[in-house]
Amino acid sequence: MKRVVFGTGLAVGYVLGARAGRERYEAIARTVRSLADRPDVQSTAGILSAHAHDWARSALHRAPHEATAHVSPN
């Protein structure tokens, strides 16, 4: 999850930085890196990652049942 948060911040920084020039890009990138390194952001990212994993696993287990439940017999 840390990579996703960092990658998203980097992408946003790139787009905004490309419009504002190299100096602004570097400032945005530093801000994003400092935010990504904060313990509260790390904790939230970990919690969201765990929930996403649980939701995905639950969806994968339900998918076969849901797919066959909606098929009408011929």
PDB file of N, CA and C in Angstrom:
ATOM      1  N   MET A   1       0.825  -1.187   0.000  1.00  0.00           N
ATOM      2  CA  MET A   1       0.000   0.000   0.000  1.00  0.00           C
ATOM      3  C   MET A   1       0.869   1.250   0.000  1.00  0.00           C
ATOM      4  N   LYS A   2       2.022   1.165   0.653  1.00  0.00           N
ATOM      5  CA  LYS A   2       2.917   2.314   0.709  1.00  0.00           C
ATOM      6  C   LYS A   2       3.330   2.722  -0.705  1.00  0.00           C
ATOM      7  N   ARG A   3       3.559   1.731  -1.537  1.00  0.00           N
ATOM      8  CA  ARG A   3       3.956   2.022  -2.917  1.00  0.00           C
ATOM      9  C   ARG A   3       2.831   2.692  -3.692  1.00  0.00           C
ATOM     10  N   VAL A   4       1.597   2.250  -3.436  1.00  0.00           N
ATOM     11  CA  VAL A   4       0.440   2.834  -4.123  1.00  0.00           C
ATOM     12  C   VAL A   4       0.280   4.297  -3.726  1.00  0.00           C
ATOM     13  N   VAL A   5       0.369   4.560  -2.433  1.00  0.00           N
ATOM     14  CA  VAL A   5       0.228   5.937  -1.952  1.00  0.00           C
ATOM     15  C   VAL A   5       1.348   6.800  -2.521  1.00  0.00           C
ATOM     16  N   PHE A   6       2.553   6.287  -2.461  1.00  0.00           N
ATOM     17  CA  PHE A   6       3.686   7.045  -2.978  1.00  0.00           C
ATOM     18  C   PHE A   6       3.555   7.264  -4.487  1.00  0.00           C
ATOM     19  N   GLY A   7       3.171   6.209  -5.197  1.00  0.00           N
ATOM     20  CA  GLY A   7       3.015   6.314  -6.656  1.00  0.00           C
ATOM     21  C   GLY A   7       1.930   7.302  -7.048  1.00  0.00           C
ATOM     22  N   THR A   8       0.831   7.290  -6.313  1.00  0.00           N
ATOM     23  CA  THR A   8      -0.250   8.231  -6.590  1.00  0.00           C
ATOM     24  C   THR A   8       0.222   9.660  -6.349  1.00  0.00           C
ATOM     25  N   GLY A   9       0.897   9.855  -5.231  1.00  0.00           N
ATOM     26  CA  GLY A   9       1.423  11.187  -4.931  1.00  0.00           C
ATOM     27  C   GLY A   9       2.432  11.636  -5.951  1.00  0.00           C
ATOM     28  N   LEU A  10       3.252  10.718  -6.388  1.00  0.00           N
ATOM     29  CA  LEU A  10       4.254  11.050  -7.398  1.00  0.00           C
ATOM     30  C   LEU A  10       3.587  11.432  -8.720  1.00  0.00           C
ATOM     31  N   ALA A  11       2.554  10.700  -9.094  1.00  0.00           N
ATOM     32  CA  ALA A  11       1.844  11.000 -10.339  1.00  0.00           C
ATOM     33  C   ALA A  11       1.174  12.370 -10.280  1.00  0.00           C
ATOM     34  N   VAL A  12       0.528  12.652  -9.174  1.00  0.00           N
ATOM     35  CA  VAL A  12      -0.116  13.958  -9.005  1.00  0.00           C
ATOM     36  C   VAL A  12       0.952  15.050  -9.027  1.00  0.00           C
ATOM     37  N   GLY A  13       2.044  14.801  -8.340  1.00  0.00           N
ATOM     38  CA  GLY A  13       3.143  15.767  -8.334  1.00  0.00           C
ATOM     39  C   GLY A  13       3.709  15.993  -9.724  1.00  0.00           C
ATOM     40  N   TYR A  14       3.798  14.944 -10.487  1.00  0.00           N
ATOM     41  CA  TYR A  14       4.331  15.074 -11.848  1.00  0.00           C
ATOM     42  C   TYR A  14       3.427  15.957 -12.704  1.00  0.00           C
ATOM     43  N   VAL A  15       2.133  15.681 -12.658  1.00  0.00           N
ATOM     44  CA  VAL A  15       1.196  16.454 -13.481  1.00  0.00           C
ATOM     45  C   VAL A  15       1.213  17.925 -13.081  1.00  0.00           C
ATOM     46  N   LEU A  16       1.111  18.170 -11.783  1.00  0.00           N
ATOM     47  CA  LEU A  16       1.123  19.561 -11.330  1.00  0.00           C
ATOM     48  C   LEU A  16       2.481  20.204 -11.583  1.00  0.00           C
ATOM     49  N   GLY A  17       3.531  19.446 -11.385  1.00  0.00           N
ATOM     50  CA  GLY A  17       4.872  19.967 -11.594  1.00  0.00           C
ATOM     51  C   GLY A  17       5.166  20.273 -13.051  1.00  0.00           C
ATOM     52  N   ALA A  18       4.629  19.470 -13.936  1.00  0.00           N
ATOM     53  CA  ALA A  18       4.854  19.698 -15.363  1.00  0.00           C
ATOM     54  C   ALA A  18       4.248  21.035 -15.794  1.00  0.00           C
ATOM     55  N   ARG A  19       3.174  21.414 -15.142  1.00  0.00           N
ATOM     56  CA  ARG A  19       2.550  22.688 -15.458  1.00  0.00           C
ATOM     57  C   ARG A  19       3.288  23.865 -14.819  1.00  0.00           C
ATOM     58  N   ALA A  20       3.869  23.643 -13.658  1.00  0.00           N
ATOM     59  CA  ALA A  20       4.457  24.740 -12.906  1.00  0.00           C
ATOM     60  C   ALA A  20       5.975  24.851 -13.049  1.00  0.00           C
ATOM     61  N   GLY A  21       6.593  23.865 -13.662  1.00  0.00           N
ATOM     62  CA  GLY A  21       8.039  23.895 -13.808  1.00  0.00           C
ATOM     63  C   GLY A  21       8.731  22.981 -12.820  1.00  0.00           C
ATOM     64  N   ARG A  22      10.014  22.822 -13.034  1.00  0.00           N
ATOM     65  CA  ARG A  22      10.806  21.871 -12.261  1.00  0.00           C
ATOM     66  C   ARG A  22      10.846  22.201 -10.762  1.00  0.00           C
ATOM     67  N   GLU A  23      11.010  23.445 -10.420  1.00  0.00           N
ATOM     68  CA  GLU A  23      11.083  23.813  -9.006  1.00  0.00           C
ATOM     69  C   GLU A  23       9.800  23.447  -8.269  1.00  0.00           C
ATOM     70  N   ARG A  24       8.698  23.764  -8.867  1.00  0.00           N
ATOM     71  CA  ARG A  24       7.409  23.456  -8.242  1.00  0.00           C
ATOM     72  C   ARG A  24       7.218  21.946  -8.138  1.00  0.00           C
ATOM     73  N   TYR A  25       7.633  21.221  -9.162  1.00  0.00           N
ATOM     74  CA  TYR A  25       7.551  19.766  -9.139  1.00  0.00           C
ATOM     75  C   TYR A  25       8.337  19.202  -7.954  1.00  0.00           C
ATOM     76  N   GLU A  26       9.545  19.682  -7.760  1.00  0.00           N
ATOM     77  CA  GLU A  26      10.375  19.202  -6.656  1.00  0.00           C
ATOM     78  C   GLU A  26       9.726  19.518  -5.309  1.00  0.00           C
ATOM     79  N   ALA A  27       9.140  20.691  -5.184  1.00  0.00           N
ATOM     80  CA  ALA A  27       8.467  21.063  -3.933  1.00  0.00           C
ATOM     81  C   ALA A  27       7.268  20.144  -3.667  1.00  0.00           C
ATOM     82  N   ILE A  28       6.500  19.870  -4.691  1.00  0.00           N
ATOM     83  CA  ILE A  28       5.346  18.987  -4.545  1.00  0.00           C
ATOM     84  C   ILE A  28       5.810  17.579  -4.194  1.00  0.00           C
ATOM     85  N   ALA A  29       6.842  17.099  -4.860  1.00  0.00           N
ATOM     86  CA  ALA A  29       7.354  15.757  -4.589  1.00  0.00           C
ATOM     87  C   ALA A  29       7.854  15.641  -3.148  1.00  0.00           C
ATOM     88  N   ARG A  30       8.528  16.663  -2.650  1.00  0.00           N
ATOM     89  CA  ARG A  30       8.989  16.649  -1.256  1.00  0.00           C
ATOM     90  C   ARG A  30       7.811  16.598  -0.294  1.00  0.00           C
ATOM     91  N   THR A  31       6.781  17.377  -0.582  1.00  0.00           N
ATOM     92  CA  THR A  31       5.595  17.393   0.270  1.00  0.00           C
ATOM     93  C   THR A  31       4.921  16.022   0.289  1.00  0.00           C
ATOM     94  N   VAL A  32       4.771  15.421  -0.869  1.00  0.00           N
ATOM     95  CA  VAL A  32       4.135  14.108  -0.954  1.00  0.00           C
ATOM     96  C   VAL A  32       4.962  13.074  -0.197  1.00  0.00           C
ATOM     97  N   ARG A  33       6.272  13.106  -0.368  1.00  0.00           N
ATOM     98  CA  ARG A  33       7.130  12.156   0.348  1.00  0.00           C
ATOM     99  C   ARG A  33       7.019  12.342   1.859  1.00  0.00           C
ATOM    100  N   SER A  34       6.993  13.589   2.300  1.00  0.00           N
ATOM    101  CA  SER A  34       6.898  13.824   3.747  1.00  0.00           C
ATOM    102  C   SER A  34       5.546  13.368   4.281  1.00  0.00           C
ATOM    103  N   LEU A  35       4.487  13.550   3.511  1.00  0.00           N
ATOM    104  CA  LEU A  35       3.172  13.061   3.935  1.00  0.00           C
ATOM    105  C   LEU A  35       3.139  11.541   3.979  1.00  0.00           C
ATOM    106  N   ALA A  36       3.712  10.904   2.972  1.00  0.00           N
ATOM    107  CA  ALA A  36       3.706   9.446   2.907  1.00  0.00           C
ATOM    108  C   ALA A  36       4.510   8.832   4.045  1.00  0.00           C
ATOM    109  N   ASP A  37       5.474   9.545   4.570  1.00  0.00           N
ATOM    110  CA  ASP A  37       6.310   9.028   5.653  1.00  0.00           C
ATOM    111  C   ASP A  37       5.706   9.244   7.040  1.00  0.00           C
ATOM    112  N   ARG A  38       4.612   9.970   7.134  1.00  0.00           N
ATOM    113  CA  ARG A  38       4.000  10.239   8.441  1.00  0.00           C
ATOM    114  C   ARG A  38       3.386   8.963   9.011  1.00  0.00           C
ATOM    115  N   PRO A  39       3.573   8.722  10.305  1.00  0.00           N
ATOM    116  CA  PRO A  39       3.032   7.506  10.921  1.00  0.00           C
ATOM    117  C   PRO A  39       1.513   7.370  10.793  1.00  0.00           C
ATOM    118  N   ASP A  40       0.770   8.473  10.904  1.00  0.00           N
ATOM    119  CA  ASP A  40      -0.686   8.371  10.794  1.00  0.00           C
ATOM    120  C   ASP A  40      -1.118   7.995   9.378  1.00  0.00           C
ATOM    121  N   VAL A  41      -0.395   8.479   8.383  1.00  0.00           N
ATOM    122  CA  VAL A  41      -0.690   8.119   6.996  1.00  0.00           C
ATOM    123  C   VAL A  41      -0.347   6.649   6.767  1.00  0.00           C
ATOM    124  N   GLN A  42       0.792   6.200   7.312  1.00  0.00           N
ATOM    125  CA  GLN A  42       1.188   4.801   7.201  1.00  0.00           C
ATOM    126  C   GLN A  42       0.138   3.895   7.839  1.00  0.00           C
ATOM    127  N   SER A  43      -0.339   4.283   9.009  1.00  0.00           N
ATOM    128  CA  SER A  43      -1.339   3.494   9.726  1.00  0.00           C
ATOM    129  C   SER A  43      -2.637   3.406   8.931  1.00  0.00           C
ATOM    130  N   THR A  44      -3.085   4.537   8.428  1.00  0.00           N
ATOM    131  CA  THR A  44      -4.320   4.563   7.640  1.00  0.00           C
ATOM    132  C   THR A  44      -4.172   3.724   6.375  1.00  0.00           C
ATOM    133  N   ALA A  45      -3.041   3.824   5.723  1.00  0.00           N
ATOM    134  CA  ALA A  45      -2.799   3.033   4.513  1.00  0.00           C
ATOM    135  C   ALA A  45      -2.811   1.541   4.834  1.00  0.00           C
ATOM    136  N   GLY A  46      -2.233   1.167   5.959  1.00  0.00           N
ATOM    137  CA  GLY A  46      -2.237  -0.235   6.363  1.00  0.00           C
ATOM    138  C   GLY A  46      -3.638  -0.746   6.647  1.00  0.00           C
ATOM    139  N   ILE A  47      -4.425   0.063   7.327  1.00  0.00           N
ATOM    140  CA  ILE A  47      -5.810  -0.321   7.635  1.00  0.00           C
ATOM    141  C   ILE A  47      -6.617  -0.461   6.350  1.00  0.00           C
ATOM    142  N   LEU A  48      -6.487   0.509   5.453  1.00  0.00           N
ATOM    143  CA  LEU A  48      -7.218   0.447   4.181  1.00  0.00           C
ATOM    144  C   LEU A  48      -6.779  -0.749   3.346  1.00  0.00           C
ATOM    145  N   SER A  49      -5.506  -1.046   3.369  1.00  0.00           N
ATOM    146  CA  SER A  49      -4.991  -2.197   2.633  1.00  0.00           C
ATOM    147  C   SER A  49      -5.578  -3.495   3.173  1.00  0.00           C
ATOM    148  N   ALA A  50      -5.627  -3.625   4.496  1.00  0.00           N
ATOM    149  CA  ALA A  50      -6.195  -4.826   5.109  1.00  0.00           C
ATOM    150  C   ALA A  50      -7.673  -4.963   4.770  1.00  0.00           C
ATOM    151  N   HIS A  51      -8.411  -3.871   4.829  1.00  0.00           N
ATOM    152  CA  HIS A  51      -9.836  -3.917   4.482  1.00  0.00           C
ATOM    153  C   HIS A  51     -10.025  -4.273   3.011  1.00  0.00           C
ATOM    154  N   ALA A  52      -9.231  -3.693   2.146  1.00  0.00           N
ATOM    155  CA  ALA A  52      -9.345  -3.989   0.714  1.00  0.00           C
ATOM    156  C   ALA A  52      -9.057  -5.465   0.454  1.00  0.00           C
ATOM    157  N   HIS A  53      -8.063  -5.998   1.140  1.00  0.00           N
ATOM    158  CA  HIS A  53      -7.737  -7.411   0.982  1.00  0.00           C
ATOM    159  C   HIS A  53      -8.909  -8.283   1.443  1.00  0.00           C
ATOM    160  N   ASP A  54      -9.485  -7.952   2.583  1.00  0.00           N
ATOM    161  CA  ASP A  54     -10.633  -8.712   3.096  1.00  0.00           C
ATOM    162  C   ASP A  54     -11.831  -8.613   2.154  1.00  0.00           C
ATOM    163  N   TRP A  55     -12.098  -7.420   1.649  1.00  0.00           N
ATOM    164  CA  TRP A  55     -13.225  -7.239   0.725  1.00  0.00           C
ATOM    165  C   TRP A  55     -13.009  -8.023  -0.570  1.00  0.00           C
ATOM    166  N   ALA A  56     -11.797  -7.999  -1.079  1.00  0.00           N
ATOM    167  CA  ALA A  56     -11.501  -8.725  -2.318  1.00  0.00           C
ATOM    168  C   ALA A  56     -11.647 -10.228  -2.101  1.00  0.00           C
ATOM    169  N   ARG A  57     -11.132 -10.725  -0.974  1.00  0.00           N
ATOM    170  CA  ARG A  57     -11.245 -12.160  -0.679  1.00  0.00           C
ATOM    171  C   ARG A  57     -12.712 -12.554  -0.549  1.00  0.00           C
ATOM    172  N   SER A  58     -13.490 -11.734   0.122  1.00  0.00           N
ATOM    173  CA  SER A  58     -14.911 -12.015   0.282  1.00  0.00           C
ATOM    174  C   SER A  58     -15.617 -12.030  -1.075  1.00  0.00           C
ATOM    175  N   ALA A  59     -15.286 -11.085  -1.924  1.00  0.00           N
ATOM    176  CA  ALA A  59     -15.902 -11.023  -3.253  1.00  0.00           C
ATOM    177  C   ALA A  59     -15.531 -12.246  -4.084  1.00  0.00           C
ATOM    178  N   LEU A  60     -14.282 -12.690  -3.985  1.00  0.00           N
ATOM    179  CA  LEU A  60     -13.859 -13.878  -4.734  1.00  0.00           C
ATOM    180  C   LEU A  60     -14.595 -15.128  -4.254  1.00  0.00           C
ATOM    181  N   HIS A  61     -14.844 -15.221  -2.962  1.00  0.00           N
ATOM    182  CA  HIS A  61     -15.561 -16.380  -2.447  1.00  0.00           C
ATOM    183  C   HIS A  61     -17.045 -16.337  -2.812  1.00  0.00           C
ATOM    184  N   ARG A  62     -17.611 -15.154  -2.907  1.00  0.00           N
ATOM    185  CA  ARG A  62     -19.028 -15.020  -3.246  1.00  0.00           C
ATOM    186  C   ARG A  62     -19.279 -15.113  -4.741  1.00  0.00           C
ATOM    187  N   ALA A  63     -18.302 -14.791  -5.556  1.00  0.00           N
ATOM    188  CA  ALA A  63     -18.498 -14.678  -6.999  1.00  0.00           C
ATOM    189  C   ALA A  63     -19.089 -15.941  -7.630  1.00  0.00           C
ATOM    190  N   PRO A  64     -18.540 -17.127  -7.383  1.00  0.00           N
ATOM    191  CA  PRO A  64     -19.137 -18.319  -8.022  1.00  0.00           C
ATOM    192  C   PRO A  64     -20.587 -18.532  -7.608  1.00  0.00           C
ATOM    193  N   HIS A  65     -20.888 -18.314  -6.337  1.00  0.00           N
ATOM    194  CA  HIS A  65     -22.258 -18.495  -5.856  1.00  0.00           C
ATOM    195  C   HIS A  65     -23.185 -17.469  -6.490  1.00  0.00           C
ATOM    196  N   GLU A  66     -22.752 -16.236  -6.542  1.00  0.00           N
ATOM    197  CA  GLU A  66     -23.576 -15.169  -7.118  1.00  0.00           C
ATOM    198  C   GLU A  66     -23.788 -15.401  -8.613  1.00  0.00           C
ATOM    199  N   ALA A  67     -22.761 -15.874  -9.298  1.00  0.00           N
ATOM    200  CA  ALA A  67     -22.878 -16.102 -10.744  1.00  0.00           C
ATOM    201  C   ALA A  67     -23.897 -17.201 -11.038  1.00  0.00           C
ATOM    202  N   THR A  68     -23.870 -18.281 -10.261  1.00  0.00           N
ATOM    203  CA  THR A  68     -24.817 -19.375 -10.517  1.00  0.00           C
ATOM    204  C   THR A  68     -26.211 -19.059  -9.993  1.00  0.00           C
ATOM    205  N   ALA A  69     -26.332 -18.202  -9.000  1.00  0.00           N
ATOM    206  CA  ALA A  69     -27.633 -17.844  -8.445  1.00  0.00           C
ATOM    207  C   ALA A  69     -28.464 -17.029  -9.419  1.00  0.00           C
ATOM    208  N   HIS A  70     -27.817 -16.345 -10.336  1.00  0.00           N
ATOM    209  CA  HIS A  70     -28.539 -15.479 -11.267  1.00  0.00           C
ATOM    210  C   HIS A  70     -28.723 -16.085 -12.650  1.00  0.00           C
ATOM    211  N   VAL A  71     -28.327 -17.321 -12.811  1.00  0.00           N
ATOM    212  CA  VAL A  71     -28.501 -18.010 -14.088  1.00  0.00           C
ATOM    213  C   VAL A  71     -29.860 -18.690 -14.065  1.00  0.00           C
ATOM    214  N   SER A  72     -30.675 -18.365 -15.077  1.00  0.00           N
ATOM    215  CA  SER A  72     -32.011 -18.979 -15.128  1.00  0.00           C
ATOM    216  C   SER A  72     -31.934 -20.308 -15.856  1.00  0.00           C
ATOM    217  N   PRO A  73     -32.643 -21.322 -15.341  1.00  0.00           N
ATOM    218  CA  PRO A  73     -32.627 -22.640 -16.003  1.00  0.00           C
ATOM    219  C   PRO A  73     -33.385 -22.577 -17.323  1.00  0.00           C
ATOM    220  N   ASN A  74     -32.931 -23.356 -18.276  1.00  0.00           N
ATOM    221  CA  ASN A  74     -33.578 -23.374 -19.616  1.00  0.00           C
ATOM    222  C   ASN A  74     -34.679 -24.362 -19.656  1.00  0.00           C
TER     223      ASN A  74
END
